[in-house]
Amino acid sequence: MPNRLPSLSSYGLGWSPRQRITVIATGLAALLALAAAVGLFTARTTAGGSRAAVPSSGPNNSTSSSAGPSASAGTGADLVAKPPQLADPVAFAKAAAAMLWSYDTRSTSRDQQLAGMRVWLTAETKYADWSSISAQVPDPVLWSRMADQAQYATATVTEAHYPSAFKQALADDPSAITRAYIYAVTVTGKQQIAWKKGGAGAEDRSLTLAVQCRPNANCSLVSIAPRVVP
């Protein structure tokens, strides 16, 4: 079986200095990292409105969704799924995860893949952590080998929710979200992979995304956390 896109467990790049996750307690690092990240995210901008509650989608959303690569020719923005016009962080995170888990080396170059992914990134550069997102794409040599095997993948997202650490952070300081409107969402699903001569396989996937959803604006992608948070 040929090499595949790296899973979240292989992601090793840190956040940018302005977005570095502070570990509050060693024993609880996995849970508290997200809460610390929210503090870092929200502390670096002025208040942006009065909304303090988590959006009405609720902390859990089990509606399935799927996404796959387009086969049409064009730029990366044409070949990679476009960001949906959504104001709900959970729904947007599900779409973003499906995009990150989908690719088609038969019709898309590595540069096109990256260009299409970048369209999802927030335009607020003080928060955008492009390195964590671009790290999901293999290096040029590995992408070339995958292309030699005509490898492609589609994704099905089965569940998404706000991590307990994020909800606790909101409970501790409800007004903090209004400074940047950045939400943490953990997404789970499955990636189906295929390659030439009938090769196929599947992998369970899970990752935690930071999503920005300001009032009266569509959501955008901020970052991928270095670990899955429950």
C-alpha atoms as a PDB file:
ATOM      1  CA  MET A   1       0.000   0.000   0.000  1.00  0.00           C
ATOM      2  CA  PRO A   2       1.474   3.390  -0.898  1.00  0.00           C
ATOM      3  CA  ASN A   3       2.144   6.138   1.574  1.00  0.00           C
ATOM      4  CA  ARG A   4      -0.842   8.216   2.583  1.00  0.00           C
ATOM      5  CA  LEU A   5      -1.489  11.702   3.870  1.00  0.00           C
ATOM      6  CA  PRO A   6      -0.130  11.926   7.416  1.00  0.00           C
ATOM      7  CA  SER A   7      -2.571  11.383  10.267  1.00  0.00           C
ATOM      8  CA  LEU A   8      -2.983  13.875  13.075  1.00  0.00           C
ATOM      9  CA  SER A   9      -0.690  11.768  15.261  1.00  0.00           C
ATOM     10  CA  SER A  10       2.198  12.514  12.889  1.00  0.00           C
ATOM     11  CA  TYR A  11       1.671  16.272  13.081  1.00  0.00           C
ATOM     12  CA  GLY A  12       4.628  17.761  14.932  1.00  0.00           C
ATOM     13  CA  LEU A  13       4.778  21.455  14.134  1.00  0.00           C
ATOM     14  CA  GLY A  14       4.114  23.903  16.997  1.00  0.00           C
ATOM     15  CA  TRP A  15       1.786  26.838  16.937  1.00  0.00           C
ATOM     16  CA  SER A  16       3.075  30.258  15.970  1.00  0.00           C
ATOM     17  CA  PRO A  17       4.498  32.286  18.868  1.00  0.00           C
ATOM     18  CA  ARG A  18       1.310  34.289  19.255  1.00  0.00           C
ATOM     19  CA  GLN A  19      -0.798  31.144  19.314  1.00  0.00           C
ATOM     20  CA  ARG A  20       1.367  28.802  21.407  1.00  0.00           C
ATOM     21  CA  ILE A  21      -0.636  26.580  23.732  1.00  0.00           C
ATOM     22  CA  THR A  22       0.284  27.059  27.430  1.00  0.00           C
ATOM     23  CA  VAL A  23       0.339  23.856  29.416  1.00  0.00           C
ATOM     24  CA  ILE A  24      -1.303  24.699  32.740  1.00  0.00           C
ATOM     25  CA  ALA A  25      -0.722  21.380  34.515  1.00  0.00           C
ATOM     26  CA  THR A  26       1.354  18.482  33.255  1.00  0.00           C
ATOM     27  CA  GLY A  27      -1.104  15.806  34.300  1.00  0.00           C
ATOM     28  CA  LEU A  28      -4.029  17.586  32.637  1.00  0.00           C
ATOM     29  CA  ALA A  29      -2.178  18.964  29.605  1.00  0.00           C
ATOM     30  CA  ALA A  30      -4.319  17.133  27.051  1.00  0.00           C
ATOM     31  CA  LEU A  31      -7.482  18.722  28.409  1.00  0.00           C
ATOM     32  CA  LEU A  32      -6.197  22.115  29.459  1.00  0.00           C
ATOM     33  CA  ALA A  33      -4.203  22.893  26.315  1.00  0.00           C
ATOM     34  CA  LEU A  34      -7.362  23.890  24.455  1.00  0.00           C
ATOM     35  CA  ALA A  35      -8.560  26.085  27.275  1.00  0.00           C
ATOM     36  CA  ALA A  36      -5.155  27.779  27.388  1.00  0.00           C
ATOM     37  CA  ALA A  37      -5.250  28.210  23.617  1.00  0.00           C
ATOM     38  CA  VAL A  38      -8.602  29.929  23.861  1.00  0.00           C
ATOM     39  CA  GLY A  39      -7.115  32.304  26.406  1.00  0.00           C
ATOM     40  CA  LEU A  40      -4.215  33.094  24.104  1.00  0.00           C
ATOM     41  CA  PHE A  41      -6.448  33.528  21.082  1.00  0.00           C
ATOM     42  CA  THR A  42      -8.989  35.758  22.750  1.00  0.00           C
ATOM     43  CA  ALA A  43      -6.547  37.921  24.691  1.00  0.00           C
ATOM     44  CA  ARG A  44      -4.897  39.353  21.563  1.00  0.00           C
ATOM     45  CA  THR A  45      -7.693  41.449  20.140  1.00  0.00           C
ATOM     46  CA  THR A  46     -10.264  43.959  21.366  1.00  0.00           C
ATOM     47  CA  ALA A  47     -13.822  43.055  22.149  1.00  0.00           C
ATOM     48  CA  GLY A  48     -15.796  42.450  18.962  1.00  0.00           C
ATOM     49  CA  GLY A  49     -19.393  42.329  20.161  1.00  0.00           C
ATOM     50  CA  SER A  50     -21.690  41.200  22.910  1.00  0.00           C
ATOM     51  CA  ARG A  51     -22.374  37.575  21.964  1.00  0.00           C
ATOM     52  CA  ALA A  52     -20.991  35.265  24.659  1.00  0.00           C
ATOM     53  CA  ALA A  53     -23.011  32.082  24.311  1.00  0.00           C
ATOM     54  CA  VAL A  54     -21.996  28.995  22.364  1.00  0.00           C
ATOM     55  CA  PRO A  55     -23.954  28.897  19.054  1.00  0.00           C
ATOM     56  CA  SER A  56     -27.286  27.118  19.085  1.00  0.00           C
ATOM     57  CA  SER A  57     -26.020  23.977  17.362  1.00  0.00           C
ATOM     58  CA  GLY A  58     -25.139  22.695  20.816  1.00  0.00           C
ATOM     59  CA  PRO A  59     -22.040  20.926  22.006  1.00  0.00           C
ATOM     60  CA  ASN A  60     -22.754  17.756  20.046  1.00  0.00           C
ATOM     61  CA  ASN A  61     -23.691  17.267  16.418  1.00  0.00           C
ATOM     62  CA  SER A  62     -23.809  13.766  14.952  1.00  0.00           C
ATOM     63  CA  THR A  63     -25.182  14.536  11.505  1.00  0.00           C
ATOM     64  CA  SER A  64     -23.016  12.865   8.876  1.00  0.00           C
ATOM     65  CA  SER A  65     -21.383  14.848   6.106  1.00  0.00           C
ATOM     66  CA  SER A  66     -18.905  13.997   3.412  1.00  0.00           C
ATOM     67  CA  ALA A  67     -16.634  15.722   0.961  1.00  0.00           C
ATOM     68  CA  GLY A  68     -14.486  14.663  -1.923  1.00  0.00           C
ATOM     69  CA  PRO A  69     -12.135  16.266  -4.430  1.00  0.00           C
ATOM     70  CA  SER A  70     -13.341  17.833  -7.633  1.00  0.00           C
ATOM     71  CA  ALA A  71     -12.112  16.349 -10.874  1.00  0.00           C
ATOM     72  CA  SER A  72     -12.318  19.561 -12.859  1.00  0.00           C
ATOM     73  CA  ALA A  73      -9.234  21.368 -14.078  1.00  0.00           C
ATOM     74  CA  GLY A  74      -8.207  24.698 -12.639  1.00  0.00           C
ATOM     75  CA  THR A  75      -6.476  26.313  -9.707  1.00  0.00           C
ATOM     76  CA  GLY A  76      -6.291  24.824  -6.256  1.00  0.00           C
ATOM     77  CA  ALA A  77      -9.333  26.878  -5.268  1.00  0.00           C
ATOM     78  CA  ASP A  78     -11.244  25.072  -8.022  1.00  0.00           C
ATOM     79  CA  LEU A  79      -9.925  21.586  -7.242  1.00  0.00           C
ATOM     80  CA  VAL A  80     -10.297  21.592  -3.459  1.00  0.00           C
ATOM     81  CA  ALA A  81     -13.699  21.890  -1.804  1.00  0.00           C
ATOM     82  CA  LYS A  82     -14.580  25.528  -1.166  1.00  0.00           C
ATOM     83  CA  PRO A  83     -15.394  26.787   2.338  1.00  0.00           C
ATOM     84  CA  PRO A  84     -19.151  26.822   2.937  1.00  0.00           C
ATOM     85  CA  GLN A  85     -20.891  30.024   3.933  1.00  0.00           C
ATOM     86  CA  LEU A  86     -21.738  29.018   7.491  1.00  0.00           C
ATOM     87  CA  ALA A  87     -21.986  30.905  10.765  1.00  0.00           C
ATOM     88  CA  ASP A  88     -22.055  27.794  12.961  1.00  0.00           C
ATOM     89  CA  PRO A  89     -18.626  26.655  14.260  1.00  0.00           C
ATOM     90  CA  VAL A  90     -19.545  22.960  14.541  1.00  0.00           C
ATOM     91  CA  ALA A  91     -20.982  22.753  11.033  1.00  0.00           C
ATOM     92  CA  PHE A  92     -18.022  24.635   9.579  1.00  0.00           C
ATOM     93  CA  ALA A  93     -15.497  22.468  11.434  1.00  0.00           C
ATOM     94  CA  LYS A  94     -17.126  19.345  10.009  1.00  0.00           C
ATOM     95  CA  ALA A  95     -16.792  20.734   6.483  1.00  0.00           C
ATOM     96  CA  ALA A  96     -13.181  21.780   7.126  1.00  0.00           C
ATOM     97  CA  ALA A  97     -12.239  18.344   8.444  1.00  0.00           C
ATOM     98  CA  ALA A  98     -13.778  16.671   5.397  1.00  0.00           C
ATOM     99  CA  MET A  99     -11.747  18.998   3.181  1.00  0.00           C
ATOM    100  CA  LEU A 100      -8.511  18.245   5.051  1.00  0.00           C
ATOM    101  CA  TRP A 101      -9.075  14.501   4.765  1.00  0.00           C
ATOM    102  CA  SER A 102      -9.853  14.619   1.025  1.00  0.00           C
ATOM    103  CA  TYR A 103      -7.403  14.839  -1.875  1.00  0.00           C
ATOM    104  CA  ASP A 104      -6.865  13.564  -5.408  1.00  0.00           C
ATOM    105  CA  THR A 105      -3.326  13.287  -6.730  1.00  0.00           C
ATOM    106  CA  ARG A 106      -4.701  12.263 -10.130  1.00  0.00           C
ATOM    107  CA  SER A 107      -5.948  15.775 -10.889  1.00  0.00           C
ATOM    108  CA  THR A 108      -4.413  18.032  -8.249  1.00  0.00           C
ATOM    109  CA  SER A 109      -0.802  19.029  -7.748  1.00  0.00           C
ATOM    110  CA  ARG A 110       0.586  19.602  -4.274  1.00  0.00           C
ATOM    111  CA  ASP A 111       0.713  23.360  -4.890  1.00  0.00           C
ATOM    112  CA  GLN A 112      -2.910  23.335  -6.027  1.00  0.00           C
ATOM    113  CA  GLN A 113      -3.902  21.383  -2.934  1.00  0.00           C
ATOM    114  CA  LEU A 114      -2.236  23.958  -0.695  1.00  0.00           C
ATOM    115  CA  ALA A 115      -3.770  26.856  -2.620  1.00  0.00           C
ATOM    116  CA  GLY A 116      -7.238  25.381  -2.200  1.00  0.00           C
ATOM    117  CA  MET A 117      -6.720  24.799   1.513  1.00  0.00           C
ATOM    118  CA  ARG A 118      -5.501  28.348   2.065  1.00  0.00           C
ATOM    119  CA  VAL A 119      -8.854  29.732   0.926  1.00  0.00           C
ATOM    120  CA  TRP A 120     -10.313  28.366   4.173  1.00  0.00           C
ATOM    121  CA  LEU A 121      -7.861  30.329   6.345  1.00  0.00           C
ATOM    122  CA  THR A 122      -9.008  33.342   8.335  1.00  0.00           C
ATOM    123  CA  ALA A 123      -8.009  36.682   6.853  1.00  0.00           C
ATOM    124  CA  GLU A 124      -7.035  37.907  10.326  1.00  0.00           C
ATOM    125  CA  THR A 125      -3.302  37.212  10.149  1.00  0.00           C
ATOM    126  CA  LYS A 126      -2.727  37.742  13.868  1.00  0.00           C
ATOM    127  CA  TYR A 127      -4.648  34.505  14.487  1.00  0.00           C
ATOM    128  CA  ALA A 128      -4.034  32.488  11.310  1.00  0.00           C
ATOM    129  CA  ASP A 129      -1.721  29.490  11.855  1.00  0.00           C
ATOM    130  CA  TRP A 130      -1.110  28.380   8.275  1.00  0.00           C
ATOM    131  CA  SER A 131       1.825  26.148   9.240  1.00  0.00           C
ATOM    132  CA  SER A 132      -0.413  23.780  11.221  1.00  0.00           C
ATOM    133  CA  ILE A 133      -2.797  23.448   8.270  1.00  0.00           C
ATOM    134  CA  SER A 134      -0.211  23.130   5.489  1.00  0.00           C
ATOM    135  CA  ALA A 135       1.601  20.476   7.541  1.00  0.00           C
ATOM    136  CA  GLN A 136      -1.292  18.119   6.749  1.00  0.00           C
ATOM    137  CA  VAL A 137      -0.041  17.886   3.155  1.00  0.00           C
ATOM    138  CA  PRO A 138       2.892  15.525   2.448  1.00  0.00           C
ATOM    139  CA  ASP A 139       6.214  16.873   1.230  1.00  0.00           C
ATOM    140  CA  PRO A 140       6.736  17.145  -2.552  1.00  0.00           C
ATOM    141  CA  VAL A 141       8.539  13.803  -2.849  1.00  0.00           C
ATOM    142  CA  LEU A 142       5.825  11.863  -1.036  1.00  0.00           C
ATOM    143  CA  TRP A 143       3.072  13.647  -2.971  1.00  0.00           C
ATOM    144  CA  SER A 144       4.821  12.663  -6.204  1.00  0.00           C
ATOM    145  CA  ARG A 145       4.933   9.019  -5.122  1.00  0.00           C
ATOM    146  CA  MET A 146       1.263   9.133  -4.239  1.00  0.00           C
ATOM    147  CA  ALA A 147       0.536  10.605  -7.677  1.00  0.00           C
ATOM    148  CA  ASP A 148       2.468   7.740  -9.282  1.00  0.00           C
ATOM    149  CA  GLN A 149      -0.045   5.421  -7.626  1.00  0.00           C
ATOM    150  CA  ALA A 150      -3.028   7.605  -8.663  1.00  0.00           C
ATOM    151  CA  GLN A 151      -3.956   7.859  -5.009  1.00  0.00           C
ATOM    152  CA  TYR A 152      -7.002   9.768  -3.836  1.00  0.00           C
ATOM    153  CA  ALA A 153      -9.156   9.997  -0.729  1.00  0.00           C
ATOM    154  CA  THR A 154     -12.664  10.988   0.270  1.00  0.00           C
ATOM    155  CA  ALA A 155     -13.931  11.615   3.769  1.00  0.00           C
ATOM    156  CA  THR A 156     -17.041  11.102   5.851  1.00  0.00           C
ATOM    157  CA  VAL A 157     -17.493  13.129   9.024  1.00  0.00           C
ATOM    158  CA  THR A 158     -19.681  11.436  11.623  1.00  0.00           C
ATOM    159  CA  GLU A 159     -19.501  13.638  14.731  1.00  0.00           C
ATOM    160  CA  ALA A 160     -18.287  17.006  15.984  1.00  0.00           C
ATOM    161  CA  HIS A 161     -18.470  18.680  19.360  1.00  0.00           C
ATOM    162  CA  TYR A 162     -16.994  21.399  21.563  1.00  0.00           C
ATOM    163  CA  PRO A 163     -14.273  19.844  23.777  1.00  0.00           C
ATOM    164  CA  SER A 164     -14.957  19.846  27.508  1.00  0.00           C
ATOM    165  CA  ALA A 165     -11.935  22.094  28.130  1.00  0.00           C
ATOM    166  CA  PHE A 166     -13.304  24.700  25.728  1.00  0.00           C
ATOM    167  CA  LYS A 167     -16.751  24.610  27.309  1.00  0.00           C
ATOM    168  CA  GLN A 168     -15.179  24.962  30.752  1.00  0.00           C
ATOM    169  CA  ALA A 169     -13.151  27.940  29.551  1.00  0.00           C
ATOM    170  CA  LEU A 170     -16.359  29.586  28.338  1.00  0.00           C
ATOM    171  CA  ALA A 171     -18.079  28.846  31.627  1.00  0.00           C
ATOM    172  CA  ASP A 172     -15.175  30.403  33.533  1.00  0.00           C
ATOM    173  CA  ASP A 173     -15.128  33.547  31.380  1.00  0.00           C
ATOM    174  CA  PRO A 174     -18.183  33.818  29.089  1.00  0.00           C
ATOM    175  CA  SER A 175     -17.150  37.201  27.703  1.00  0.00           C
ATOM    176  CA  ALA A 176     -13.740  35.968  26.524  1.00  0.00           C
ATOM    177  CA  ILE A 177     -15.182  34.542  23.294  1.00  0.00           C
ATOM    178  CA  THR A 178     -16.259  38.018  22.181  1.00  0.00           C
ATOM    179  CA  ARG A 179     -12.651  39.182  21.793  1.00  0.00           C
ATOM    180  CA  ALA A 180     -11.864  36.966  18.802  1.00  0.00           C
ATOM    181  CA  TYR A 181     -14.831  34.590  18.377  1.00  0.00           C
ATOM    182  CA  ILE A 182     -12.541  31.575  18.021  1.00  0.00           C
ATOM    183  CA  TYR A 183     -14.120  28.222  18.868  1.00  0.00           C
ATOM    184  CA  ALA A 184     -12.498  24.828  19.421  1.00  0.00           C
ATOM    185  CA  VAL A 185     -14.267  21.889  17.764  1.00  0.00           C
ATOM    186  CA  THR A 186     -13.205  18.229  17.848  1.00  0.00           C
ATOM    187  CA  VAL A 187     -14.240  16.284  14.731  1.00  0.00           C
ATOM    188  CA  THR A 188     -14.232  12.542  14.094  1.00  0.00           C
ATOM    189  CA  GLY A 189     -14.842  10.592  10.913  1.00  0.00           C
ATOM    190  CA  LYS A 190     -13.379   8.179   8.392  1.00  0.00           C
ATOM    191  CA  GLN A 191     -11.070   8.610   5.402  1.00  0.00           C
ATOM    192  CA  GLN A 192     -11.490   6.258   2.430  1.00  0.00           C
ATOM    193  CA  ILE A 193      -8.326   5.882   0.331  1.00  0.00           C
ATOM    194  CA  ALA A 194      -7.954   4.309  -3.115  1.00  0.00           C
ATOM    195  CA  TRP A 195      -5.157   3.877  -5.644  1.00  0.00           C
ATOM    196  CA  LYS A 196      -4.565   2.197  -8.982  1.00  0.00           C
ATOM    197  CA  LYS A 197      -5.137  -1.516  -9.641  1.00  0.00           C
ATOM    198  CA  GLY A 198      -8.070  -1.579  -7.256  1.00  0.00           C
ATOM    199  CA  GLY A 199      -6.178  -0.737  -4.092  1.00  0.00           C
ATOM    200  CA  ALA A 200      -8.296   0.627  -1.264  1.00  0.00           C
ATOM    201  CA  GLY A 201      -8.309   1.194   2.458  1.00  0.00           C
ATOM    202  CA  ALA A 202      -9.905   3.250   5.211  1.00  0.00           C
ATOM    203  CA  GLU A 203      -8.763   4.997   8.381  1.00  0.00           C
ATOM    204  CA  ASP A 204     -10.599   6.483  11.335  1.00  0.00           C
ATOM    205  CA  ARG A 205      -9.707  10.151  11.793  1.00  0.00           C
ATOM    206  CA  SER A 206     -10.058  12.700  14.575  1.00  0.00           C
ATOM    207  CA  LEU A 207      -8.707  16.226  15.010  1.00  0.00           C
ATOM    208  CA  THR A 208      -9.430  19.442  16.878  1.00  0.00           C
ATOM    209  CA  LEU A 209      -9.845  22.635  14.886  1.00  0.00           C
ATOM    210  CA  ALA A 210      -9.835  26.281  15.904  1.00  0.00           C
ATOM    211  CA  VAL A 211     -12.579  28.040  13.940  1.00  0.00           C
ATOM    212  CA  GLN A 212     -13.334  31.761  13.847  1.00  0.00           C
ATOM    213  CA  CYS A 213     -17.008  32.748  13.513  1.00  0.00           C
ATOM    214  CA  ARG A 214     -17.540  36.453  14.081  1.00  0.00           C
ATOM    215  CA  PRO A 215     -21.127  37.767  14.259  1.00  0.00           C
ATOM    216  CA  ASN A 216     -22.682  38.509  10.876  1.00  0.00           C
ATOM    217  CA  ALA A 217     -19.766  36.852   9.052  1.00  0.00           C
ATOM    218  CA  ASN A 218     -18.983  33.426   7.634  1.00  0.00           C
ATOM    219  CA  CYS A 219     -16.717  31.125   9.625  1.00  0.00           C
ATOM    220  CA  SER A 220     -13.086  30.541   8.661  1.00  0.00           C
ATOM    221  CA  LEU A 221     -10.321  28.169   9.727  1.00  0.00           C
ATOM    222  CA  VAL A 222      -7.700  29.344  12.226  1.00  0.00           C
ATOM    223  CA  SER A 223      -5.573  26.351  13.152  1.00  0.00           C
ATOM    224  CA  ILE A 224      -5.280  22.642  13.844  1.00  0.00           C
ATOM    225  CA  ALA A 225      -4.475  21.686  17.415  1.00  0.00           C
ATOM    226  CA  PRO A 226      -1.374  19.503  17.892  1.00  0.00           C
ATOM    227  CA  ARG A 227      -3.475  16.905  19.700  1.00  0.00           C
ATOM    228  CA  VAL A 228      -7.063  15.702  19.740  1.00  0.00           C
ATOM    229  CA  VAL A 229      -8.947  17.083  22.723  1.00  0.00           C
ATOM    230  CA  PRO A 230     -11.970  15.213  24.131  1.00  0.00           C
END
